[in-house]
Amino acid sequence: MRETIPAEILAQLDPAWRAHFERESAQDYMLRLYEFLSAEKESKEVIYPPDEQWFNAYRYTPFDEVKVVIVGQDPYHSEGLAHGLSFSVPEGVRPPPSLRNIYKELNRDLGIAIPASGNLEGWAKQGVLLLNASLTVRAGDANSHSKQGWLNFTNASIQYINRHKAGVVFLAWGRFAHRLCSVVESSQHCVIKTSHPSPLGASKSGKDFSAFLGSGCFSLANAFLEKRGEAAIEWEQAGRSGFGD
């Protein structure tokens, strides 16, 4: 059997995520996905993010600590932006438009000053799983890996959270995220649906979702967590790679 998820990646995960990864890595779709990724590399295609960052969302947020899930669609496909966390960019990179709108709503909702940095590691380290539906993308080619198997993997991750945890907030931004989160049991979890924070959708609403701008989704998430006796997310950690910087 060809290797799928490398042993060194599995070693970086907590036991619960590792069990999930090991189970999924044996599935046919995962074997096909890794064959595709190997072919991309052999063809000298540039893939974002770098290999060692593909599973950063899971590394930064242990399974037992997951309190909020923010679902993205595709990693940034321009150089230097994607680092394995949905909507986040590394230190020193100007926040892209969707992230700027996220910060705008954060400021409106909670009065938090808009950070200069787009690094969301400070959220991930508090239990916010920043999960893209596809974990890789070909440089300059949006959604180029979206039909190669990643969606099966991230769907399985959401199902795993749905079945084995309770009281998780799913921030579903945009119709794509709405579909991914449709499997979540609302009796056990909280799904907050809004439009996507991109400039094209941030002010739009629908029959069953509010416009992202003005939604108050961050305070709603914290209200749900606090009602369950959980610590609120310190959303002001946006723009920080940890708690000491």
Foldseek 3Di string as FASTA:
>chain_A
DDFFPDPVLLVLADPVVSVLCVVVCPDPLRVQLRVVVVVCVVVVFDKPPPPVQLQVLRNLAHLVQAAEEEEAAWADQAPQAGRHFAQAGDPPDARDQLLQLVQVQCCVLPVFDRARHRHPSAQSNRRYRRYYQASMDTHPGPCRCNPSRSNVSVLSVLVSSQVPHFAHEYEQEAPVSVVSCVPHDCVGYHYAYEHRSHPVQQCDGDDPHYRVRVSSVQVVSQVSQVVVVHHRGPSSCRRPSHDPD
